[in-house]
């Protein structure tokens, strides 16, 4: 079972409904409606399964980190929630111990790392920067 399938399985086990919804402004949003959770995807905004996995991981990050917010919440509150959700997604899709292992094996090219972790290169770049910013990895020159 790949990570995308595992993420769908996690959502299913947590009783989170997932639906394709083309009215969504973003790629996806998670909603809490009377303690029932729903993730609405706009799959027309997703180019491939890697992006779907990345977006689903972040939405589940909102759920697991209790990082849901309302559209009229402050920018500071929204930023905090987004940070926590992305942190969860990065840790799920690109565990820092595996990343460090690959770097120690000499793989420092962002594209090679993205291929290994099966994520988009831009997402890999964001993961690397996140881990560098919080001091979990050193700062060799990445390509």
Foldseek 3Di string as FASTA:
>chain_A
DDLLVVLVVVCVVVQEAEEEDQVDPDQWAWDQDVNHIYIYGPCVPPDDVQSVSLVSQLRVQCVVVVLDDDPPDDPVSNVVSSVSSNVRSLCSQPNLVVVVVVVVVVPQELVVSCVVSVHDSVSSVVSVVVCVVVPNDPDDDYD
